[in-house]
């Protein structure tokens, strides 16, 4: 089966389908917090898995980073990593991030490069079109695994608006293939012209 995005580009919103066995919010949380790292993805108890991720973060800050970049302050590294985790997938200004971490721009850039080299941080370049000049032209930063985000922020299982998609459709005209608002429910339902709401599990159904 072709990848999800390719199916949507080829077939529009009609290509978005829900799986026969829908997931609940608890199921989604289980999948996110399980992570995709090989060791904890094995069937080990939840408490042990959380300890594994917490230990991974601690070892990275106190052992792995000094091995790659000596003389880095572990407390500042931990603080900046927490800021990155809290803003994962966001478009916060760089000055906002390093200010929140209590470091300067040069140090933030060095830390960011370091976390990229250690494969725990990805930068996704900004997408923009000359037809849509108001879109923010800034990259997004992602910690590479949602379970890692949860471990850094100390989160657990304590646990749809499509106006922006309608605006994008109206601005981009025929170049707009489909707009999808993902949710934790079981069904696909329309929200407007070429816009649907779909369960997150539609991504792999």
Protein backbone atom coordinates (compact mmCIF):
# COMPACT_ATOMS: atom_id res chain seq x y z
CA UNK A 1 0.00 0.00 0.00
CA UNK A 2 1.39 3.49 -0.88
CA UNK A 3 2.36 5.82 1.98
CA UNK A 4 -0.46 7.84 3.53
CA UNK A 5 0.56 11.23 2.06
CA UNK A 6 0.91 9.75 -1.44
CA UNK A 7 -2.59 8.26 -1.19
CA UNK A 8 -4.07 11.61 -0.16
CA UNK A 9 -2.27 13.51 -2.93
CA UNK A 10 -3.55 11.00 -5.50
CA UNK A 11 -7.06 10.47 -4.15
CA UNK A 12 -7.90 13.53 -2.06
CA UNK A 13 -10.00 13.18 1.08
CA UNK A 14 -11.69 10.06 -0.33
CA UNK A 15 -8.40 8.24 0.26
CA UNK A 16 -8.62 8.84 4.03
CA UNK A 17 -10.12 5.78 5.72
CA UNK A 18 -10.48 4.64 9.31
CA UNK A 19 -9.24 1.20 10.40
CA UNK A 20 -11.75 -1.54 11.13
CA UNK A 21 -10.54 -1.77 14.73
CA UNK A 22 -10.47 1.85 16.02
CA UNK A 23 -8.11 2.96 18.77
CA UNK A 24 -9.09 4.79 21.94
CA UNK A 25 -7.31 7.77 23.49
CA UNK A 26 -5.70 5.34 25.94
CA UNK A 27 -4.43 3.26 23.01
CA UNK A 28 -2.84 6.33 21.41
CA UNK A 29 -1.17 7.28 24.68
CA UNK A 30 0.15 3.74 25.05
CA UNK A 31 1.67 3.91 21.56
CA UNK A 32 3.26 7.32 22.14
CA UNK A 33 4.71 6.51 25.53
CA UNK A 34 6.00 3.12 24.37
CA UNK A 35 8.35 4.96 22.02
CA UNK A 36 10.27 3.52 19.10
CA UNK A 37 13.62 2.87 20.78
CA UNK A 38 14.48 -0.86 20.45
CA UNK A 39 15.10 -1.66 24.12
CA UNK A 40 11.95 -0.28 25.81
CA UNK A 41 9.71 -1.21 22.87
CA UNK A 42 10.09 -4.80 24.01
CA UNK A 43 7.20 -5.97 26.14
CA UNK A 44 8.39 -4.74 29.50
CA UNK A 45 6.19 -3.27 32.25
CA UNK A 46 5.22 0.38 31.86
CA UNK A 47 7.02 1.47 35.04
CA UNK A 48 10.23 -0.20 33.86
CA UNK A 49 9.91 1.44 30.45
CA UNK A 50 9.53 4.88 32.02
CA UNK A 51 12.59 4.26 34.16
CA UNK A 52 14.51 3.23 31.04
CA UNK A 53 13.71 6.49 29.28
CA UNK A 54 14.47 8.58 32.36
CA UNK A 55 17.81 6.76 32.65
CA UNK A 56 18.50 7.30 28.95
CA UNK A 57 18.03 11.06 29.33
CA UNK A 58 20.23 11.17 32.43
CA UNK A 59 23.02 9.15 30.80
CA UNK A 60 22.89 11.29 27.69
CA UNK A 61 23.29 14.50 29.71
CA UNK A 62 25.88 13.29 32.21
CA UNK A 63 27.91 10.72 30.22
CA UNK A 64 27.28 10.79 26.46
CA UNK A 65 27.44 14.56 25.99
CA UNK A 66 30.72 14.98 27.95
CA UNK A 67 32.25 12.24 25.81
CA UNK A 68 31.40 14.17 22.65
CA UNK A 69 31.66 17.75 23.91
CA UNK A 70 33.60 18.17 27.16
CA UNK A 71 33.10 21.17 29.44
CA UNK A 72 29.36 21.47 28.72
CA UNK A 73 27.28 22.37 31.77
CA UNK A 74 24.91 19.42 32.47
CA UNK A 75 22.35 21.65 34.19
CA UNK A 76 22.18 24.08 31.26
CA UNK A 77 21.99 21.18 28.81
CA UNK A 78 19.14 19.64 30.78
CA UNK A 79 17.35 22.98 30.89
CA UNK A 80 17.69 23.57 27.15
CA UNK A 81 16.58 20.01 26.36
CA UNK A 82 13.47 20.59 28.51
CA UNK A 83 12.70 23.76 26.54
CA UNK A 84 13.09 21.85 23.26
CA UNK A 85 10.80 19.10 24.55
CA UNK A 86 8.15 21.59 25.64
CA UNK A 87 8.26 23.23 22.21
CA UNK A 88 8.63 20.11 20.07
CA UNK A 89 6.87 20.58 16.69
CA UNK A 90 6.41 24.25 17.52
CA UNK A 91 7.65 27.35 15.71
CA UNK A 92 8.91 29.34 18.67
CA UNK A 93 11.51 31.97 17.86
CA UNK A 94 15.09 30.97 18.61
CA UNK A 95 15.39 33.87 21.05
CA UNK A 96 12.36 32.54 22.93
CA UNK A 97 13.98 29.13 23.34
CA UNK A 98 17.38 30.25 24.55
CA UNK A 99 15.85 32.93 26.76
CA UNK A 100 13.58 30.33 28.41
CA UNK A 101 16.60 28.11 29.03
CA UNK A 102 18.63 30.97 30.50
CA UNK A 103 21.45 30.73 27.95
CA UNK A 104 22.72 32.97 25.17
CA UNK A 105 22.27 32.54 21.43
CA UNK A 106 25.76 31.12 20.83
CA UNK A 107 25.36 28.49 23.54
CA UNK A 108 21.87 27.56 22.28
CA UNK A 109 23.22 27.03 18.76
CA UNK A 110 26.01 24.84 20.09
CA UNK A 111 23.57 22.79 22.19
CA UNK A 112 21.17 22.43 19.28
CA UNK A 113 23.94 21.17 16.99
CA UNK A 114 25.09 18.80 19.72
CA UNK A 115 21.63 17.25 20.16
CA UNK A 116 21.33 16.91 16.39
CA UNK A 117 24.69 15.11 16.25
CA UNK A 118 23.43 12.77 18.97
CA UNK A 119 20.29 12.03 16.91
CA UNK A 120 17.81 13.18 19.54
CA UNK A 121 16.76 16.38 17.73
CA UNK A 122 15.56 16.91 14.16
CA UNK A 123 15.06 20.25 12.44
CA UNK A 124 12.43 20.33 9.71
CA UNK A 125 12.90 23.24 7.30
CA UNK A 126 10.06 25.73 6.98
CA UNK A 127 7.56 25.08 4.22
CA UNK A 128 6.28 28.11 2.42
CA UNK A 129 4.90 29.11 -0.92
CA UNK A 130 5.11 32.42 -2.71
CA UNK A 131 1.33 32.14 -3.01
CA UNK A 132 0.97 32.14 0.78
CA UNK A 133 3.21 34.91 2.03
CA UNK A 134 1.86 35.00 5.56
CA UNK A 135 3.11 31.56 6.56
CA UNK A 136 5.90 31.68 9.13
CA UNK A 137 9.25 30.91 7.51
CA UNK A 138 10.89 29.19 10.46
CA UNK A 139 11.99 25.59 10.99
CA UNK A 140 10.30 23.25 13.45
CA UNK A 141 12.27 21.32 16.04
CA UNK A 142 11.33 17.78 17.00
CA UNK A 143 12.71 15.52 19.65
CA UNK A 144 12.91 12.27 17.76
CA UNK A 145 10.52 10.22 19.90
CA UNK A 146 7.35 11.17 21.84
CA UNK A 147 8.38 8.89 24.70
CA UNK A 148 11.61 10.89 24.94
CA UNK A 149 9.56 14.11 25.19
CA UNK A 150 7.52 12.55 28.00
CA UNK A 151 10.67 11.46 29.83
CA UNK A 152 12.34 14.88 29.58
CA UNK A 153 9.20 16.67 30.80
CA UNK A 154 8.22 14.01 33.34
CA UNK A 155 4.85 13.36 31.70
CA UNK A 156 2.70 10.26 31.93
CA UNK A 157 -0.83 9.25 30.98
CA UNK A 158 -2.61 11.99 32.85
CA UNK A 159 -4.48 12.60 30.36
CA UNK A 160 -11.11 19.89 16.14
CA UNK A 161 -10.66 23.06 14.72
CA UNK A 162 -10.24 23.29 10.90
CA UNK A 163 -10.31 27.05 10.37
CA UNK A 164 -6.61 27.21 9.53
CA UNK A 165 -7.08 24.51 6.86
CA UNK A 166 -10.03 26.35 5.33
CA UNK A 167 -7.88 29.49 5.14
CA UNK A 168 -5.05 27.52 3.51
CA UNK A 169 -7.48 25.95 1.00
CA UNK A 170 -8.88 29.34 0.07
CA UNK A 171 -5.42 30.86 -0.31
CA UNK A 172 -3.87 28.03 -2.30
CA UNK A 173 -6.78 27.08 -4.54
CA UNK A 174 -6.26 24.05 -6.74
CA UNK A 175 -2.82 23.30 -5.27
CA UNK A 176 -4.61 22.29 -2.03
CA UNK A 177 -5.06 18.50 -2.25
CA UNK A 178 -6.76 17.86 1.10
CA UNK A 179 -6.92 19.08 4.68
CA UNK A 180 -7.05 16.59 7.55
CA UNK A 181 -7.67 17.25 11.24
CA UNK A 182 -6.50 14.20 13.18
CA UNK A 183 -8.39 13.17 16.30
CA UNK A 184 -8.60 10.29 18.75
CA UNK A 185 -12.08 9.13 17.76
CA UNK A 186 -12.95 6.15 15.56
CA UNK A 187 -14.48 7.71 12.42
CA UNK A 188 -13.75 9.88 9.37
CA UNK A 189 -16.20 12.73 8.81
CA UNK A 190 -16.28 15.82 6.55
CA UNK A 191 -15.53 19.32 7.83
CA UNK A 192 -15.91 21.21 4.57
CA UNK A 193 -14.76 21.25 0.96
CA UNK A 194 -11.70 18.93 0.72
CA UNK A 195 -11.34 18.90 4.51
CA UNK A 196 -12.06 15.94 6.77
CA UNK A 197 -11.52 14.86 10.36
CA UNK A 198 -9.88 11.45 10.67
CA UNK A 199 -8.57 9.19 13.43
CA UNK A 200 -4.80 9.28 13.91
CA UNK A 201 -4.75 5.59 13.06
CA UNK A 202 -5.76 6.49 9.49
CA UNK A 203 -2.06 7.24 9.00
CA UNK A 204 -1.30 3.52 8.96
CA UNK A 205 -4.67 2.00 8.02
